[in-house]
Amino acid sequence: MNRPIYFSIAAVAVILGLMLAFQFRNTSSISHSVPYDRVQELTIEKKQLEKEKAQLDDEIDDLTAKLAIAGKSAGEANIALRGELEKTKLIAGLVPVTGPGIEITLSDLLGETGAGNASTSYIVRDDDLLKLVNELRGAGADAIAINGQRVMATTEIRMIGNHINVNLARISMPYKVTAIGNAEVLKSSLEAKGGLAEYLSTLGIMVTIQARERVAIPAFKGDLSFDYAKSVQKG
């Protein structure tokens, strides 16, 4: 066989071998690669997951901000509730209070001689104290006490024999009534011409009124109970 022919056959064989090897490699690579449609599908899923993650991150930030606001609001609400509670206790007379005001002392004039040389005496009555309390309230008193007994909306002032009971506690003469408020207004209201102080004096009661820069009034000492009244439930 001629050498040229031999080399030609050998060259063709080598070329064919290389072509077969290259074709096998491409076929193997294609068989192990991901199909194009699947790649597209995975790409879309990846974008969707990234979008959902961004939304969740935004929700986390929003909830964190709301929690911070809620914590702050709860603290402010507690402060407001404590303030309202203290205000309610103050109005109800359940806490001691102090402030400017007046001090009124009522005492009987005993043994004075009236018409016909008859010995006269007038005992301070529960009605007199009630009139005084109402006058002080009308003049704007914030708090009132009689002989250390805090006067409240439920306070009972009642005559028992020669004594007066206030909040079921027996008090005796002289009766000292203290009131917190504008001292000038309270004093003027009682001392006005034809006012309560003048009226009580005509009954034979010695009335002394003094303005004070500081008046101390104690808290209510009794028990608060409602046997029949119930709060109305909404709905």
C-alpha atoms as a PDB file:
ATOM      1  CA  MET A   1       0.000   0.000   0.000  1.00  0.00           C
ATOM      2  CA  ASN A   2       1.278   3.449  -0.863  1.00  0.00           C
ATOM      3  CA  ARG A   3       2.296   5.588   1.996  1.00  0.00           C
ATOM      4  CA  PRO A   4       0.221   8.558   0.899  1.00  0.00           C
ATOM      5  CA  ILE A   5      -2.875   6.439   0.895  1.00  0.00           C
ATOM      6  CA  TYR A   6      -1.955   5.043   4.315  1.00  0.00           C
ATOM      7  CA  PHE A   7      -1.458   8.479   5.772  1.00  0.00           C
ATOM      8  CA  SER A   8      -4.705   9.686   4.214  1.00  0.00           C
ATOM      9  CA  ILE A   9      -6.632   6.806   5.768  1.00  0.00           C
ATOM     10  CA  ALA A  10      -4.937   7.408   9.089  1.00  0.00           C
ATOM     11  CA  ALA A  11      -5.763  11.122   8.962  1.00  0.00           C
ATOM     12  CA  VAL A  12      -9.393  10.399   8.128  1.00  0.00           C
ATOM     13  CA  ALA A  13      -9.566   7.891  11.001  1.00  0.00           C
ATOM     14  CA  VAL A  14      -8.116  10.422  13.462  1.00  0.00           C
ATOM     15  CA  ILE A  15     -10.548  13.106  12.295  1.00  0.00           C
ATOM     16  CA  LEU A  16     -13.495  10.747  12.589  1.00  0.00           C
ATOM     17  CA  GLY A  17     -12.360   9.731  16.053  1.00  0.00           C
ATOM     18  CA  LEU A  18     -12.123  13.328  17.193  1.00  0.00           C
ATOM     19  CA  MET A  19     -15.532  14.119  15.732  1.00  0.00           C
ATOM     20  CA  LEU A  20     -17.105  11.116  17.495  1.00  0.00           C
ATOM     21  CA  ALA A  21     -15.460  12.063  20.774  1.00  0.00           C
ATOM     22  CA  PHE A  22     -16.641  15.693  20.492  1.00  0.00           C
ATOM     23  CA  GLN A  23     -20.186  14.561  19.607  1.00  0.00           C
ATOM     24  CA  PHE A  24     -20.279  12.204  22.603  1.00  0.00           C
ATOM     25  CA  ARG A  25     -19.107  14.970  24.909  1.00  0.00           C
ATOM     26  CA  ASN A  26     -21.813  17.383  23.690  1.00  0.00           C
ATOM     27  CA  THR A  27     -24.460  14.692  24.041  1.00  0.00           C
ATOM     28  CA  SER A  28     -23.327  13.891  27.576  1.00  0.00           C
ATOM     29  CA  SER A  29     -23.286  17.598  28.520  1.00  0.00           C
ATOM     30  CA  ILE A  30     -26.794  18.140  27.188  1.00  0.00           C
ATOM     31  CA  SER A  31     -28.108  15.082  29.043  1.00  0.00           C
ATOM     32  CA  HIS A  32     -26.807  16.465  32.385  1.00  0.00           C
ATOM     33  CA  SER A  33     -27.879  20.103  31.873  1.00  0.00           C
ATOM     34  CA  VAL A  34     -31.198  21.657  33.109  1.00  0.00           C
ATOM     35  CA  PRO A  35     -33.825  22.111  30.423  1.00  0.00           C
ATOM     36  CA  TYR A  36     -34.397  25.705  29.323  1.00  0.00           C
ATOM     37  CA  ASP A  37     -38.050  25.690  30.380  1.00  0.00           C
ATOM     38  CA  ARG A  38     -37.059  24.617  33.882  1.00  0.00           C
ATOM     39  CA  VAL A  39     -34.500  27.399  34.072  1.00  0.00           C
ATOM     40  CA  GLN A  40     -37.190  29.906  33.181  1.00  0.00           C
ATOM     41  CA  GLU A  41     -39.506  28.439  35.798  1.00  0.00           C
ATOM     42  CA  LEU A  42     -36.844  28.559  38.526  1.00  0.00           C
ATOM     43  CA  THR A  43     -35.983  32.140  37.593  1.00  0.00           C
ATOM     44  CA  ILE A  44     -39.617  33.186  37.994  1.00  0.00           C
ATOM     45  CA  GLU A  45     -39.864  31.379  41.361  1.00  0.00           C
ATOM     46  CA  LYS A  46     -36.689  33.076  42.562  1.00  0.00           C
ATOM     47  CA  LYS A  47     -38.055  36.516  41.676  1.00  0.00           C
ATOM     48  CA  GLN A  48     -41.350  35.707  43.440  1.00  0.00           C
ATOM     49  CA  LEU A  49     -39.527  34.578  46.587  1.00  0.00           C
ATOM     50  CA  GLU A  50     -37.424  37.738  46.570  1.00  0.00           C
ATOM     51  CA  LYS A  51     -40.607  39.804  46.268  1.00  0.00           C
ATOM     52  CA  GLU A  52     -42.261  37.932  49.160  1.00  0.00           C
ATOM     53  CA  LYS A  53     -39.130  38.359  51.287  1.00  0.00           C
ATOM     54  CA  ALA A  54     -39.191  42.117  50.652  1.00  0.00           C
ATOM     55  CA  GLN A  55     -42.867  42.241  51.680  1.00  0.00           C
ATOM     56  CA  LEU A  56     -42.127  40.288  54.871  1.00  0.00           C
ATOM     57  CA  ASP A  57     -39.262  42.635  55.681  1.00  0.00           C
ATOM     58  CA  ASP A  58     -41.646  45.587  55.300  1.00  0.00           C
ATOM     59  CA  GLU A  59     -44.189  43.877  57.588  1.00  0.00           C
ATOM     60  CA  ILE A  60     -41.497  43.246  60.190  1.00  0.00           C
ATOM     61  CA  ASP A  61     -40.515  46.922  60.139  1.00  0.00           C
ATOM     62  CA  ASP A  62     -44.171  47.980  60.374  1.00  0.00           C
ATOM     63  CA  LEU A  63     -44.938  45.634  63.289  1.00  0.00           C
ATOM     64  CA  THR A  64     -41.782  46.704  65.109  1.00  0.00           C
ATOM     65  CA  ALA A  65     -42.829  50.333  64.794  1.00  0.00           C
ATOM     66  CA  LYS A  66     -46.360  49.502  65.989  1.00  0.00           C
ATOM     67  CA  LEU A  67     -44.999  47.591  68.977  1.00  0.00           C
ATOM     68  CA  ALA A  68     -42.863  50.571  69.916  1.00  0.00           C
ATOM     69  CA  ILE A  69     -45.888  52.881  69.631  1.00  0.00           C
ATOM     70  CA  ALA A  70     -48.054  50.416  71.593  1.00  0.00           C
ATOM     71  CA  GLY A  71     -45.485  50.258  74.378  1.00  0.00           C
ATOM     72  CA  LYS A  72     -45.322  54.026  74.504  1.00  0.00           C
ATOM     73  CA  SER A  73     -49.121  54.351  74.363  1.00  0.00           C
ATOM     74  CA  ALA A  74     -49.527  51.807  77.171  1.00  0.00           C
ATOM     75  CA  GLY A  75     -47.192  53.835  79.357  1.00  0.00           C
ATOM     76  CA  GLU A  76     -49.044  57.049  78.551  1.00  0.00           C
ATOM     77  CA  ALA A  77     -52.378  55.310  79.154  1.00  0.00           C
ATOM     78  CA  ASN A  78     -51.225  54.110  82.572  1.00  0.00           C
ATOM     79  CA  ILE A  79     -50.141  57.616  83.487  1.00  0.00           C
ATOM     80  CA  ALA A  80     -53.487  59.008  82.330  1.00  0.00           C
ATOM     81  CA  LEU A  81     -55.414  56.348  84.258  1.00  0.00           C
ATOM     82  CA  ARG A  82     -53.423  57.005  87.421  1.00  0.00           C
ATOM     83  CA  GLY A  83     -54.127  60.709  87.001  1.00  0.00           C
ATOM     84  CA  GLU A  84     -57.857  60.061  86.584  1.00  0.00           C
ATOM     85  CA  LEU A  85     -57.840  57.750  89.601  1.00  0.00           C
ATOM     86  CA  GLU A  86     -56.189  60.382  91.771  1.00  0.00           C
ATOM     87  CA  LYS A  87     -58.633  62.993  90.486  1.00  0.00           C
ATOM     88  CA  THR A  88     -61.579  60.716  91.285  1.00  0.00           C
ATOM     89  CA  LYS A  89     -60.241  60.026  94.772  1.00  0.00           C
ATOM     90  CA  LEU A  90     -59.829  63.751  95.307  1.00  0.00           C
ATOM     91  CA  ILE A  91     -63.401  64.482  94.215  1.00  0.00           C
ATOM     92  CA  ALA A  92     -64.727  61.588  96.308  1.00  0.00           C
ATOM     93  CA  GLY A  93     -62.872  62.825  99.386  1.00  0.00           C
ATOM     94  CA  LEU A  94     -60.763  59.684  99.751  1.00  0.00           C
ATOM     95  CA  VAL A  95     -57.425  61.503 100.032  1.00  0.00           C
ATOM     96  CA  PRO A  96     -56.325  64.253 102.428  1.00  0.00           C
ATOM     97  CA  VAL A  97     -56.020  67.690 100.859  1.00  0.00           C
ATOM     98  CA  THR A  98     -54.495  71.014 101.742  1.00  0.00           C
ATOM     99  CA  GLY A  99     -54.713  74.531 100.398  1.00  0.00           C
ATOM    100  CA  PRO A 100     -55.869  78.067 101.152  1.00  0.00           C
ATOM    101  CA  GLY A 101     -59.291  78.515 102.648  1.00  0.00           C
ATOM    102  CA  ILE A 102     -61.217  79.529 105.738  1.00  0.00           C
ATOM    103  CA  GLU A 103     -61.973  78.223 109.209  1.00  0.00           C
ATOM    104  CA  ILE A 104     -65.399  78.810 110.769  1.00  0.00           C
ATOM    105  CA  THR A 105     -66.159  78.190 114.412  1.00  0.00           C
ATOM    106  CA  LEU A 106     -69.733  77.923 115.682  1.00  0.00           C
ATOM    107  CA  SER A 107     -70.459  77.987 119.403  1.00  0.00           C
ATOM    108  CA  ASP A 108     -73.570  78.565 121.505  1.00  0.00           C
ATOM    109  CA  LEU A 109     -74.214  81.651 123.574  1.00  0.00           C
ATOM    110  CA  LEU A 110     -75.462  80.170 126.828  1.00  0.00           C
ATOM    111  CA  GLY A 111     -76.979  81.872 129.836  1.00  0.00           C
ATOM    112  CA  GLU A 112     -77.911  85.146 128.134  1.00  0.00           C
ATOM    113  CA  THR A 113     -81.020  86.881 129.411  1.00  0.00           C
ATOM    114  CA  GLY A 114     -83.756  87.391 126.895  1.00  0.00           C
ATOM    115  CA  ALA A 115     -87.093  89.130 127.032  1.00  0.00           C
ATOM    116  CA  GLY A 116     -88.809  88.863 130.450  1.00  0.00           C
ATOM    117  CA  ASN A 117     -85.448  88.047 132.101  1.00  0.00           C
ATOM    118  CA  ALA A 118     -85.726  84.445 130.907  1.00  0.00           C
ATOM    119  CA  SER A 119     -82.478  82.595 130.446  1.00  0.00           C
ATOM    120  CA  THR A 120     -82.061  81.730 126.819  1.00  0.00           C
ATOM    121  CA  SER A 121     -79.806  79.344 125.017  1.00  0.00           C
ATOM    122  CA  TYR A 122     -79.746  78.173 121.433  1.00  0.00           C
ATOM    123  CA  ILE A 123     -78.174  74.867 120.559  1.00  0.00           C
ATOM    124  CA  VAL A 124     -76.491  74.671 117.169  1.00  0.00           C
ATOM    125  CA  ARG A 125     -78.541  72.209 115.148  1.00  0.00           C
ATOM    126  CA  ASP A 126     -77.865  69.945 112.213  1.00  0.00           C
ATOM    127  CA  ASP A 127     -79.818  72.303 109.947  1.00  0.00           C
ATOM    128  CA  ASP A 128     -77.390  75.094 110.785  1.00  0.00           C
ATOM    129  CA  LEU A 129     -74.409  72.982 109.728  1.00  0.00           C
ATOM    130  CA  LEU A 130     -76.209  71.865 106.576  1.00  0.00           C
ATOM    131  CA  LYS A 131     -76.907  75.496 105.648  1.00  0.00           C
ATOM    132  CA  LEU A 132     -73.252  76.319 106.240  1.00  0.00           C
ATOM    133  CA  VAL A 133     -72.016  73.398 104.115  1.00  0.00           C
ATOM    134  CA  ASN A 134     -74.373  74.330 101.267  1.00  0.00           C
ATOM    135  CA  GLU A 135     -73.286  77.975 101.437  1.00  0.00           C
ATOM    136  CA  LEU A 136     -69.626  76.976 101.212  1.00  0.00           C
ATOM    137  CA  ARG A 137     -70.292  74.635  98.303  1.00  0.00           C
ATOM    138  CA  GLY A 138     -72.201  77.356  96.510  1.00  0.00           C
ATOM    139  CA  ALA A 139     -69.245  79.710  97.007  1.00  0.00           C
ATOM    140  CA  GLY A 140     -66.913  77.216  95.324  1.00  0.00           C
ATOM    141  CA  ALA A 141     -65.303  75.296  98.181  1.00  0.00           C
ATOM    142  CA  ASP A 142     -63.233  72.369  96.917  1.00  0.00           C
ATOM    143  CA  ALA A 143     -63.299  70.406 100.175  1.00  0.00           C
ATOM    144  CA  ILE A 144     -65.076  70.759 103.529  1.00  0.00           C
ATOM    145  CA  ALA A 145     -64.678  69.123 106.935  1.00  0.00           C
ATOM    146  CA  ILE A 146     -66.588  69.432 110.207  1.00  0.00           C
ATOM    147  CA  ASN A 147     -64.566  68.721 113.342  1.00  0.00           C
ATOM    148  CA  GLY A 148     -62.191  66.593 111.284  1.00  0.00           C
ATOM    149  CA  GLN A 149     -64.957  64.692 109.466  1.00  0.00           C
ATOM    150  CA  ARG A 150     -64.687  64.985 105.683  1.00  0.00           C
ATOM    151  CA  VAL A 151     -67.949  66.118 104.108  1.00  0.00           C
ATOM    152  CA  MET A 152     -68.833  64.062 101.028  1.00  0.00           C
ATOM    153  CA  ALA A 153     -71.853  63.631  98.786  1.00  0.00           C
ATOM    154  CA  THR A 154     -73.015  60.768 101.030  1.00  0.00           C
ATOM    155  CA  THR A 155     -72.243  62.502 104.326  1.00  0.00           C
ATOM    156  CA  GLU A 156     -75.087  62.448 106.821  1.00  0.00           C
ATOM    157  CA  ILE A 157     -75.410  65.355 109.254  1.00  0.00           C
ATOM    158  CA  ARG A 158     -78.042  64.488 111.846  1.00  0.00           C
ATOM    159  CA  MET A 159     -79.057  65.738 115.274  1.00  0.00           C
ATOM    160  CA  ILE A 160     -78.973  63.051 117.975  1.00  0.00           C
ATOM    161  CA  GLY A 161     -80.134  64.520 121.292  1.00  0.00           C
ATOM    162  CA  ASN A 162     -77.891  67.465 122.096  1.00  0.00           C
ATOM    163  CA  HIS A 163     -75.151  66.254 119.768  1.00  0.00           C
ATOM    164  CA  ILE A 164     -74.688  66.083 116.028  1.00  0.00           C
ATOM    165  CA  ASN A 165     -73.499  63.051 114.110  1.00  0.00           C
ATOM    166  CA  VAL A 166     -71.395  63.566 110.990  1.00  0.00           C
ATOM    167  CA  ASN A 167     -70.547  60.420 109.010  1.00  0.00           C
ATOM    168  CA  LEU A 168     -72.069  58.523 111.963  1.00  0.00           C
ATOM    169  CA  ALA A 169     -69.359  60.022 114.208  1.00  0.00           C
ATOM    170  CA  ARG A 170     -70.513  62.025 117.233  1.00  0.00           C
ATOM    171  CA  ILE A 171     -69.105  65.545 117.333  1.00  0.00           C
ATOM    172  CA  SER A 172     -69.464  68.168 120.023  1.00  0.00           C
ATOM    173  CA  MET A 173     -69.371  71.915 120.332  1.00  0.00           C
ATOM    174  CA  PRO A 174     -67.601  74.062 119.378  1.00  0.00           C
ATOM    175  CA  TYR A 175     -68.096  73.081 115.760  1.00  0.00           C
ATOM    176  CA  LYS A 176     -65.117  73.905 113.585  1.00  0.00           C
ATOM    177  CA  VAL A 177     -65.827  73.878 109.866  1.00  0.00           C
ATOM    178  CA  THR A 178     -62.845  74.098 107.503  1.00  0.00           C
ATOM    179  CA  ALA A 179     -63.094  74.694 103.787  1.00  0.00           C
ATOM    180  CA  ILE A 180     -60.515  74.886 100.995  1.00  0.00           C
ATOM    181  CA  GLY A 181     -61.079  77.411  98.251  1.00  0.00           C
ATOM    182  CA  ASN A 182     -60.747  81.092  97.476  1.00  0.00           C
ATOM    183  CA  ALA A 183     -60.610  82.424 101.025  1.00  0.00           C
ATOM    184  CA  GLU A 184     -61.780  85.912 100.078  1.00  0.00           C
ATOM    185  CA  VAL A 185     -64.780  84.629  98.136  1.00  0.00           C
ATOM    186  CA  LEU A 186     -65.769  82.102 100.801  1.00  0.00           C
ATOM    187  CA  LYS A 187     -65.471  84.639 103.616  1.00  0.00           C
ATOM    188  CA  SER A 188     -67.356  87.334 101.705  1.00  0.00           C
ATOM    189  CA  SER A 189     -70.158  84.896 100.887  1.00  0.00           C
ATOM    190  CA  LEU A 190     -70.719  84.128 104.571  1.00  0.00           C
ATOM    191  CA  GLU A 191     -70.279  87.687 105.848  1.00  0.00           C
ATOM    192  CA  ALA A 192     -72.488  89.379 103.241  1.00  0.00           C
ATOM    193  CA  LYS A 193     -75.235  91.580 104.674  1.00  0.00           C
ATOM    194  CA  GLY A 194     -78.216  89.366 105.357  1.00  0.00           C
ATOM    195  CA  GLY A 195     -76.026  86.324 104.779  1.00  0.00           C
ATOM    196  CA  LEU A 196     -75.670  83.125 106.768  1.00  0.00           C
ATOM    197  CA  ALA A 197     -73.275  84.483 109.386  1.00  0.00           C
ATOM    198  CA  GLU A 198     -75.711  87.282 110.225  1.00  0.00           C
ATOM    199  CA  TYR A 199     -78.608  84.853 110.308  1.00  0.00           C
ATOM    200  CA  LEU A 200     -76.827  82.473 112.696  1.00  0.00           C
ATOM    201  CA  SER A 201     -75.842  85.381 114.931  1.00  0.00           C
ATOM    202  CA  THR A 202     -79.494  86.382 115.267  1.00  0.00           C
ATOM    203  CA  LEU A 203     -80.193  82.862 116.538  1.00  0.00           C
ATOM    204  CA  GLY A 204     -77.677  83.309 119.310  1.00  0.00           C
ATOM    205  CA  ILE A 205     -74.750  81.478 117.713  1.00  0.00           C
ATOM    206  CA  MET A 206     -71.280  82.918 117.958  1.00  0.00           C
ATOM    207  CA  VAL A 207     -69.752  82.787 114.499  1.00  0.00           C
ATOM    208  CA  THR A 208     -66.025  83.260 113.969  1.00  0.00           C
ATOM    209  CA  ILE A 209     -64.607  83.256 110.432  1.00  0.00           C
ATOM    210  CA  GLN A 210     -60.880  83.365 109.715  1.00  0.00           C
ATOM    211  CA  ALA A 211     -59.062  83.210 106.400  1.00  0.00           C
ATOM    212  CA  ARG A 212     -56.114  80.829 106.317  1.00  0.00           C
ATOM    213  CA  GLU A 213     -53.220  80.542 103.899  1.00  0.00           C
ATOM    214  CA  ARG A 214     -53.185  76.802 104.493  1.00  0.00           C
ATOM    215  CA  VAL A 215     -56.036  74.567 105.565  1.00  0.00           C
ATOM    216  CA  ALA A 216     -55.595  70.818 106.022  1.00  0.00           C
ATOM    217  CA  ILE A 217     -58.607  68.575 105.503  1.00  0.00           C
ATOM    218  CA  PRO A 218     -58.381  64.824 106.192  1.00  0.00           C
ATOM    219  CA  ALA A 219     -59.643  62.033 103.987  1.00  0.00           C
ATOM    220  CA  PHE A 220     -62.946  60.285 104.560  1.00  0.00           C
ATOM    221  CA  LYS A 221     -62.450  57.659 107.286  1.00  0.00           C
ATOM    222  CA  GLY A 222     -65.580  55.558 106.868  1.00  0.00           C
ATOM    223  CA  ASP A 223     -66.565  52.757 104.518  1.00  0.00           C
ATOM    224  CA  LEU A 224     -68.201  53.259 101.146  1.00  0.00           C
ATOM    225  CA  SER A 225     -70.837  50.699 100.259  1.00  0.00           C
ATOM    226  CA  PHE A 226     -73.812  50.606  97.921  1.00  0.00           C
ATOM    227  CA  ASP A 227     -76.439  48.023  98.811  1.00  0.00           C
ATOM    228  CA  TYR A 228     -78.848  48.694  95.970  1.00  0.00           C
ATOM    229  CA  ALA A 229     -77.170  50.912  93.379  1.00  0.00           C
ATOM    230  CA  LYS A 230     -75.411  49.019  90.589  1.00  0.00           C
ATOM    231  CA  SER A 231     -73.434  50.361  87.676  1.00  0.00           C
ATOM    232  CA  VAL A 232     -75.186  50.215  84.303  1.00  0.00           C
ATOM    233  CA  GLN A 233     -73.623  47.681  81.947  1.00  0.00           C
ATOM    234  CA  LYS A 234     -73.314  48.941  78.376  1.00  0.00           C
ATOM    235  CA  GLY A 235     -74.917  46.757  75.741  1.00  0.00           C
END
